[in-house]
Amino acid sequence: MIRSATLDDVDALLALEQVCFETDQLTRRQFRYMLTRAHASLLVYENAGAPGAYVLILFNRGTSMARIYSIAVSPILRGQGVGRALVEAAETAAREEGRISLRLEIRRDNVASQALFRSLGYRQFGAVDDYYEDHMEALRFEKRLTPTLNVDQVPVPFYEQTLDFTCGPSSLMMAMKTLRPALALDRTLELRIWREATTIFMTSGHGGCGPFGLALSAWHRGFDVEVFVNEEAGFFTDSVRSRIKKDVIRLVQEDFLAELREQGVPLHLEPLDTAELRARFEAGGVPVVLISSWRIYGEKFPHWVVVTGFDERFVYVHDPFVDYAAGKTPLDSLNMPILLEEFAHMTRYGRAGLKAVLIVSRRETAHG
């Protein structure tokens, strides 16, 4: 009675939306997109030859995470185990896609749905104010589909970047607040760190932040930091064509490097492999890692994330970027599970295969 939806089901799915939801209804265009272009699974429960319920599962690109985007059950089918059957089918679909966790949001006032998911082993791990169109709060739930994994994680606070070019400051802010909980994270700090650490130029628009400037921002705020890169000169210079811009980037980074040496910040001209990265994490450091966004977002730009944990198969990261254009929410950016071998491929940027990791840790003399 549960099958994959087709385009022939769209009219019935729209009718379900009208019956089940007063706000936040999926449109015809959205249903067609989910069925034809999205990396998704739309399952329907047939009743009298037509869809009487559905569940929509999204599969995040580049990670091992899935998300229940929407679930709807016709009023005439409620109380008959249809919702439970759809959730179990969604979990099966997620496992078949190689996903290890399934997440979703539930309205604060939807007590019945909360009870259903709790009974199926989902745990609440957060909340979002003013999430729905009617301003209702959303509760965030998650279930690990491979419960035997021994996850070593730390509770890293999440901060969403507010500008396209501030992934580095935002990732560094998350790392610093993990070590110093009293630190206030806001846009003023985000922009202040960006001004301190920017390379001035980047592929287009405002400059991003390289490892040397970010390391100095952490150091001046009372944190110890180690820098691991596979080259010292010309970081991000290949991202611009103009000779003048290349020269400016080099000059900025030479100035950063001179100050790093003056302050005695450890700079290692060798990358960290995953095993060494985990060892630093287990010793109390919080890694901030440069990745190529291609494997997650399908676009080639340098991007910073903060590592939140490890297990036998996965690295977990907070990604400060939330891809709202692709229907994502902050839920999709928290503790993203990435296969170890996939992560090793991600941590190379550009033709030169640039690698950069900052290990941020408490300084013995710092307060907080």
Foldseek 3Di string as FASTA:
>chain_A
DKDFDDLVQLVVQQVQQVQFDPFPGDDSVRVVCLHPPFQKTKMFDDDPRHGQWIWIKHDFFQFQEIETEDITGHPVCPPVCPRVVRVVVVLVVSVVVVHFKYKYKDFPPPVVVVVSVVVVPKDWDDKAFLDTPVRTIITMIMDTSPVVWDKDFADFDAAADPDPQQQLLRQLVSQVCSFVVVDDDDVVSSVVLCVQFFLQDFLDDGGHGDPLSSCVVLVVVQWAKAKEKQDQAQVRLVSDDDPVSSVSSRVVSVVSVVVCVVVVRHYHNHADAPVRVVVLVVVAWKKKWWFACCRRPVDGDIGIWIWGIDTPFWTFTQGSHFPVVSVGDSSCRGRGTHGSVSVRNGQFHDPVGIIMMMTIHHDPPDDD
